[in-house]
Structures are given as structure tokens and as C-alpha cells.
């Protein structure tokens, strides 16, 4: 059973960089044709796909977030990470990691950006 777990600070100051890590267990992030995504949901709004990283390290980003989003991976640790730079209070959301077939999700983590 594949499991995902987000980790990172729950509070970030405006203009700083939000950094989150997703640890995957029960499966390898390098397994062929597997893709891994970050998604967020601001309060009172719908889900927003932020970007993904593939089994071979290629990344794909939501065009509206591309300029300040970076997704990377640590294959020995079986983790992939999100960095969102120059955050504002509008980036306050529940951030989740998931397999890109949407079968497996982390529990989500609340990140609040203070002004």
C-alpha cells in the first residue's frame, strides 16, 4: 500500500519561501511511468494543481504558478519536495501531495502565510 506524508512548517512569513516535503512509502518515486503531484486548497476555494515530477525527474508546473514554484526529489530518501517562493497571505492553504493517478494522497498539511 502506497502512503504519502507531507511535512514542513505550518507558518511562513510573507515574502519567504514555503518548503514542504512528501515522503512516499510502499512504492518508489522512480517506478516507471509514475508521477507525483502537489495540490493545494485555499480556504473556501477548490483544489489547485501546482505541479508534478515524474519518475525520471521531469517537472511540469501550473502556468499560473510556474514563476515561483519548484519541485524536486530525493531518490535515496524516496521524497519529493515543493518550494514556493515569495509567498503572500493568498498562498495560505492546505497543501497535499498525491500520486498523479490520484489513487494515493497524503493527509494534507495546513500552511498559513502571515503578513
N, C-alpha and C. Protein backbone atom coordinates (compact mmCIF):
# COMPACT_ATOMS: atom_id res chain seq x y z
N UNK A 1 0.84 -1.18 0.00
CA UNK A 1 0.00 0.00 0.00
C UNK A 1 0.89 1.25 0.00
N UNK A 2 0.70 2.08 -1.00
CA UNK A 2 1.47 3.32 -1.09
C UNK A 2 0.90 4.33 -0.09
N UNK A 3 1.79 4.96 0.64
CA UNK A 3 1.39 6.01 1.57
C UNK A 3 2.24 7.24 1.34
N UNK A 4 1.63 8.40 1.50
CA UNK A 4 2.32 9.67 1.33
C UNK A 4 2.12 10.50 2.59
N UNK A 5 3.16 11.22 2.97
CA UNK A 5 3.08 12.05 4.17
C UNK A 5 3.79 13.37 3.93
N UNK A 6 3.05 14.46 4.08
CA UNK A 6 3.64 15.78 3.94
C UNK A 6 4.30 16.21 5.25
N UNK A 7 5.35 17.00 5.12
CA UNK A 7 5.99 17.57 6.30
C UNK A 7 6.55 18.94 5.95
N UNK A 8 6.59 19.79 6.97
CA UNK A 8 7.11 21.13 6.76
C UNK A 8 6.47 22.10 7.73
N UNK A 9 6.95 23.33 7.74
CA UNK A 9 6.41 24.33 8.68
C UNK A 9 4.97 24.69 8.37
N UNK A 10 4.22 24.95 9.41
CA UNK A 10 2.83 25.33 9.25
C UNK A 10 2.63 26.83 9.16
N UNK A 11 3.67 27.58 9.39
CA UNK A 11 3.56 29.03 9.35
C UNK A 11 4.77 29.60 8.63
N UNK A 12 4.51 30.44 7.66
CA UNK A 12 5.55 31.07 6.86
C UNK A 12 5.24 32.56 6.77
N UNK A 13 6.27 33.37 6.80
CA UNK A 13 6.07 34.82 6.70
C UNK A 13 6.02 35.25 5.23
N UNK A 14 5.26 36.29 4.99
CA UNK A 14 5.19 36.83 3.63
C UNK A 14 6.58 37.13 3.09
N UNK A 15 6.72 36.91 1.80
CA UNK A 15 7.95 37.13 1.02
C UNK A 15 8.97 36.02 1.20
N UNK A 16 8.74 35.10 2.15
CA UNK A 16 9.68 34.00 2.33
C UNK A 16 9.31 32.83 1.41
N UNK A 17 10.08 31.77 1.50
CA UNK A 17 9.85 30.58 0.69
C UNK A 17 9.21 29.48 1.52
N UNK A 18 8.12 28.97 1.00
CA UNK A 18 7.42 27.84 1.62
C UNK A 18 8.08 26.56 1.12
N UNK A 19 8.46 25.69 2.04
CA UNK A 19 9.11 24.43 1.66
C UNK A 19 8.40 23.26 2.33
N UNK A 20 7.97 22.33 1.52
CA UNK A 20 7.31 21.13 2.01
C UNK A 20 7.94 19.89 1.38
N UNK A 21 7.90 18.80 2.11
CA UNK A 21 8.42 17.53 1.63
C UNK A 21 7.35 16.47 1.73
N UNK A 22 7.30 15.61 0.74
CA UNK A 22 6.39 14.47 0.74
C UNK A 22 7.22 13.19 0.77
N UNK A 23 7.02 12.41 1.80
CA UNK A 23 7.71 11.13 1.92
C UNK A 23 6.79 10.02 1.46
N UNK A 24 7.28 9.22 0.53
CA UNK A 24 6.48 8.14 -0.04
C UNK A 24 6.98 6.81 0.52
N UNK A 25 6.06 5.98 0.95
CA UNK A 25 6.40 4.64 1.42
C UNK A 25 5.50 3.64 0.71
N UNK A 26 6.00 2.42 0.61
CA UNK A 26 5.21 1.37 -0.04
C UNK A 26 5.33 1.39 -1.54
N UNK A 27 6.15 2.27 -2.07
CA UNK A 27 6.35 2.36 -3.51
C UNK A 27 7.48 3.30 -3.80
N UNK A 28 8.07 3.20 -4.96
CA UNK A 28 9.21 4.03 -5.31
C UNK A 28 8.79 5.18 -6.21
N UNK A 29 9.34 6.36 -5.92
CA UNK A 29 9.03 7.52 -6.76
C UNK A 29 9.68 7.39 -8.14
N UNK A 30 10.61 6.44 -8.28
CA UNK A 30 11.26 6.24 -9.57
C UNK A 30 10.64 5.09 -10.36
N UNK A 31 9.56 4.51 -9.83
CA UNK A 31 8.90 3.43 -10.57
C UNK A 31 8.43 3.95 -11.92
N UNK A 32 8.64 3.16 -12.93
CA UNK A 32 8.37 3.59 -14.29
C UNK A 32 6.95 4.11 -14.46
N UNK A 33 6.87 5.25 -15.16
CA UNK A 33 5.58 5.86 -15.51
C UNK A 33 4.77 6.33 -14.31
N UNK A 34 5.45 6.58 -13.21
CA UNK A 34 4.77 7.15 -12.04
C UNK A 34 5.08 8.64 -11.97
N UNK A 35 4.08 9.40 -11.61
CA UNK A 35 4.19 10.84 -11.49
C UNK A 35 3.64 11.25 -10.14
N UNK A 36 4.18 12.34 -9.62
CA UNK A 36 3.84 12.75 -8.26
C UNK A 36 3.56 14.25 -8.24
N UNK A 37 2.46 14.60 -7.61
CA UNK A 37 1.97 15.98 -7.69
C UNK A 37 1.85 16.67 -6.33
N UNK A 38 1.86 17.99 -6.42
CA UNK A 38 1.48 18.84 -5.29
C UNK A 38 0.18 19.55 -5.67
N UNK A 39 -0.71 19.61 -4.69
CA UNK A 39 -2.02 20.23 -4.88
C UNK A 39 -2.28 21.08 -3.63
N UNK A 40 -3.02 22.16 -3.80
CA UNK A 40 -3.38 22.94 -2.64
C UNK A 40 -4.84 23.35 -2.70
N UNK A 41 -5.38 23.67 -1.53
CA UNK A 41 -6.75 24.13 -1.45
C UNK A 41 -6.83 25.30 -0.48
N UNK A 42 -6.93 26.52 -1.01
CA UNK A 42 -7.10 27.68 -0.12
C UNK A 42 -8.44 27.62 0.59
N UNK A 43 -8.58 28.30 1.70
CA UNK A 43 -9.85 28.26 2.44
C UNK A 43 -11.00 28.77 1.59
N UNK A 44 -12.05 27.97 1.53
CA UNK A 44 -13.25 28.35 0.79
C UNK A 44 -13.14 28.21 -0.72
N UNK A 45 -12.04 27.63 -1.20
CA UNK A 45 -11.84 27.51 -2.64
C UNK A 45 -11.61 26.06 -3.03
N UNK A 46 -11.53 25.81 -4.31
CA UNK A 46 -11.35 24.46 -4.81
C UNK A 46 -9.90 24.03 -4.84
N UNK A 47 -9.69 22.80 -5.27
CA UNK A 47 -8.34 22.26 -5.38
C UNK A 47 -7.61 22.91 -6.55
N UNK A 48 -6.32 23.15 -6.34
CA UNK A 48 -5.47 23.72 -7.39
C UNK A 48 -4.25 22.85 -7.55
N UNK A 49 -4.08 22.29 -8.73
CA UNK A 49 -2.87 21.51 -9.02
C UNK A 49 -1.71 22.48 -9.22
N UNK A 50 -0.61 22.20 -8.52
CA UNK A 50 0.53 23.11 -8.56
C UNK A 50 1.62 22.63 -9.52
N UNK A 51 1.82 21.34 -9.56
CA UNK A 51 2.86 20.82 -10.42
C UNK A 51 3.16 19.38 -10.09
N UNK A 52 4.02 18.78 -10.90
CA UNK A 52 4.35 17.38 -10.69
C UNK A 52 5.78 17.10 -11.09
N UNK A 53 6.25 15.95 -10.61
CA UNK A 53 7.57 15.47 -11.01
C UNK A 53 7.42 14.02 -11.41
N UNK A 54 8.11 13.66 -12.46
CA UNK A 54 7.95 12.31 -13.00
C UNK A 54 8.96 11.34 -12.39
N UNK A 55 8.77 10.08 -12.74
CA UNK A 55 9.64 9.01 -12.26
C UNK A 55 11.09 9.24 -12.68
N UNK A 56 11.29 9.96 -13.78
CA UNK A 56 12.66 10.22 -14.26
C UNK A 56 13.09 11.66 -14.02
N UNK A 57 12.35 12.36 -13.17
CA UNK A 57 12.80 13.67 -12.71
C UNK A 57 12.31 14.86 -13.50
N UNK A 58 11.50 14.64 -14.51
CA UNK A 58 10.97 15.78 -15.27
C UNK A 58 9.85 16.46 -14.50
N UNK A 59 9.80 17.77 -14.61
CA UNK A 59 8.79 18.53 -13.88
C UNK A 59 7.82 19.22 -14.82
N UNK A 60 6.64 19.47 -14.28
CA UNK A 60 5.59 20.15 -15.02
C UNK A 60 4.85 21.03 -14.02
N UNK A 61 4.59 22.27 -14.42
CA UNK A 61 4.02 23.22 -13.47
C UNK A 61 2.73 23.85 -13.99
N UNK A 62 1.87 24.22 -13.04
CA UNK A 62 0.71 25.03 -13.37
C UNK A 62 1.23 26.37 -13.90
N UNK A 63 0.84 26.76 -15.10
CA UNK A 63 1.37 28.01 -15.68
C UNK A 63 1.17 29.23 -14.77
N UNK A 64 0.12 29.23 -14.01
CA UNK A 64 -0.15 30.40 -13.15
C UNK A 64 0.79 30.46 -11.96
N UNK A 65 1.49 29.36 -11.67
CA UNK A 65 2.38 29.31 -10.52
C UNK A 65 3.83 29.07 -10.91
N UNK A 66 4.05 28.88 -12.18
CA UNK A 66 5.37 28.43 -12.65
C UNK A 66 6.51 29.33 -12.19
N UNK A 67 6.25 30.62 -12.18
CA UNK A 67 7.35 31.57 -11.93
C UNK A 67 7.89 31.48 -10.50
N UNK A 68 7.13 30.95 -9.56
CA UNK A 68 7.67 30.87 -8.20
C UNK A 68 7.47 29.50 -7.55
N UNK A 69 7.38 28.46 -8.40
CA UNK A 69 7.24 27.09 -7.89
C UNK A 69 8.39 26.22 -8.36
N UNK A 70 8.89 25.40 -7.47
CA UNK A 70 9.97 24.49 -7.83
C UNK A 70 9.72 23.16 -7.13
N UNK A 71 9.70 22.10 -7.91
CA UNK A 71 9.52 20.75 -7.36
C UNK A 71 10.78 19.95 -7.63
N UNK A 72 11.26 19.26 -6.61
CA UNK A 72 12.47 18.46 -6.73
C UNK A 72 12.26 17.12 -6.04
N UNK A 73 13.27 16.28 -6.10
CA UNK A 73 13.13 14.98 -5.47
C UNK A 73 14.44 14.54 -4.86
N UNK A 74 14.34 13.64 -3.91
CA UNK A 74 15.50 12.99 -3.29
C UNK A 74 15.25 11.50 -3.41
N UNK A 75 15.83 10.89 -4.41
CA UNK A 75 15.51 9.49 -4.69
C UNK A 75 15.97 8.54 -3.59
N UNK A 76 17.16 8.72 -2.99
CA UNK A 76 17.53 7.79 -1.90
C UNK A 76 16.54 7.82 -0.73
N UNK A 77 15.97 9.00 -0.48
CA UNK A 77 15.01 9.11 0.63
C UNK A 77 13.57 8.85 0.18
N UNK A 78 13.40 8.67 -1.13
CA UNK A 78 12.07 8.45 -1.69
C UNK A 78 11.12 9.60 -1.32
N UNK A 79 11.60 10.80 -1.53
CA UNK A 79 10.84 12.01 -1.20
C UNK A 79 10.80 12.94 -2.41
N UNK A 80 9.76 13.74 -2.47
CA UNK A 80 9.76 14.85 -3.41
C UNK A 80 9.29 16.09 -2.66
N UNK A 81 9.74 17.23 -3.12
CA UNK A 81 9.57 18.46 -2.34
C UNK A 81 8.99 19.59 -3.18
N UNK A 82 8.41 20.53 -2.48
CA UNK A 82 7.82 21.72 -3.09
C UNK A 82 8.47 22.94 -2.47
N UNK A 83 8.86 23.87 -3.31
CA UNK A 83 9.29 25.18 -2.84
C UNK A 83 8.44 26.23 -3.57
N UNK A 84 7.84 27.11 -2.79
CA UNK A 84 7.03 28.19 -3.34
C UNK A 84 7.62 29.49 -2.80
N UNK A 85 8.19 30.26 -3.69
CA UNK A 85 8.92 31.45 -3.25
C UNK A 85 8.01 32.69 -3.22
N UNK A 86 8.47 33.70 -2.50
CA UNK A 86 7.79 34.99 -2.43
C UNK A 86 6.31 34.85 -2.08
N UNK A 87 6.05 34.09 -1.04
CA UNK A 87 4.65 33.81 -0.70
C UNK A 87 3.95 35.05 -0.15
N UNK A 88 2.64 35.05 -0.30
CA UNK A 88 1.78 36.09 0.25
C UNK A 88 0.67 35.39 1.05
N UNK A 89 -0.12 36.14 1.80
CA UNK A 89 -1.23 35.50 2.54
C UNK A 89 -2.18 34.73 1.63
N UNK A 90 -2.23 35.08 0.34
CA UNK A 90 -3.09 34.34 -0.59
C UNK A 90 -2.60 32.92 -0.82
N UNK A 91 -1.38 32.62 -0.43
CA UNK A 91 -0.86 31.26 -0.54
C UNK A 91 -1.23 30.39 0.66
N UNK A 92 -1.96 30.94 1.60
CA UNK A 92 -2.46 30.15 2.72
C UNK A 92 -3.40 29.08 2.20
N UNK A 93 -3.14 27.83 2.57
CA UNK A 93 -3.92 26.72 2.01
C UNK A 93 -3.56 25.43 2.73
N UNK A 94 -4.34 24.41 2.46
CA UNK A 94 -3.94 23.05 2.80
C UNK A 94 -3.19 22.50 1.60
N UNK A 95 -1.97 22.09 1.84
CA UNK A 95 -1.12 21.57 0.78
C UNK A 95 -1.05 20.05 0.89
N UNK A 96 -1.24 19.40 -0.25
CA UNK A 96 -1.25 17.94 -0.27
C UNK A 96 -0.34 17.42 -1.37
N UNK A 97 0.22 16.26 -1.13
CA UNK A 97 0.94 15.56 -2.19
C UNK A 97 0.12 14.33 -2.58
N UNK A 98 0.28 13.92 -3.81
CA UNK A 98 -0.52 12.80 -4.31
C UNK A 98 0.17 12.15 -5.48
N UNK A 99 -0.19 10.90 -5.70
CA UNK A 99 0.23 10.27 -6.95
C UNK A 99 -0.61 10.88 -8.06
N UNK A 100 -0.04 11.00 -9.23
CA UNK A 100 -0.74 11.73 -10.28
C UNK A 100 -1.83 10.93 -10.96
N UNK A 101 -2.02 9.70 -10.53
CA UNK A 101 -3.23 8.99 -10.96
C UNK A 101 -4.34 9.20 -9.93
N UNK A 102 -3.99 10.00 -8.89
CA UNK A 102 -4.93 10.40 -7.84
C UNK A 102 -5.41 9.23 -6.97
N UNK A 103 -4.70 8.12 -7.02
CA UNK A 103 -5.10 6.98 -6.19
C UNK A 103 -4.60 7.11 -4.76
N UNK A 104 -3.48 7.82 -4.61
CA UNK A 104 -2.88 7.92 -3.28
C UNK A 104 -2.63 9.38 -2.94
N UNK A 105 -3.02 9.76 -1.72
CA UNK A 105 -2.89 11.14 -1.25
C UNK A 105 -2.30 11.15 0.15
N UNK A 106 -1.55 12.19 0.44
CA UNK A 106 -1.18 12.46 1.81
C UNK A 106 -2.38 13.05 2.54
N UNK A 107 -2.25 13.22 3.83
CA UNK A 107 -3.37 13.73 4.61
C UNK A 107 -3.54 15.24 4.45
N UNK A 108 -2.55 15.90 3.90
CA UNK A 108 -2.59 17.35 3.74
C UNK A 108 -2.03 18.05 4.96
N UNK A 109 -1.45 19.20 4.71
CA UNK A 109 -0.89 19.98 5.80
C UNK A 109 -1.28 21.45 5.63
N UNK A 110 -1.73 22.05 6.69
CA UNK A 110 -2.13 23.45 6.65
C UNK A 110 -0.89 24.33 6.70
N UNK A 111 -0.80 25.25 5.76
CA UNK A 111 0.26 26.25 5.77
C UNK A 111 -0.39 27.63 5.78
N UNK A 112 -0.03 28.41 6.75
CA UNK A 112 -0.54 29.77 6.87
C UNK A 112 0.59 30.75 6.60
N UNK A 113 0.31 31.71 5.73
CA UNK A 113 1.29 32.75 5.43
C UNK A 113 0.87 34.01 6.17
N UNK A 114 1.72 34.47 7.04
CA UNK A 114 1.41 35.66 7.83
C UNK A 114 1.90 36.92 7.10
N UNK A 115 1.15 37.97 7.26
CA UNK A 115 1.51 39.22 6.58
C UNK A 115 2.48 40.05 7.42
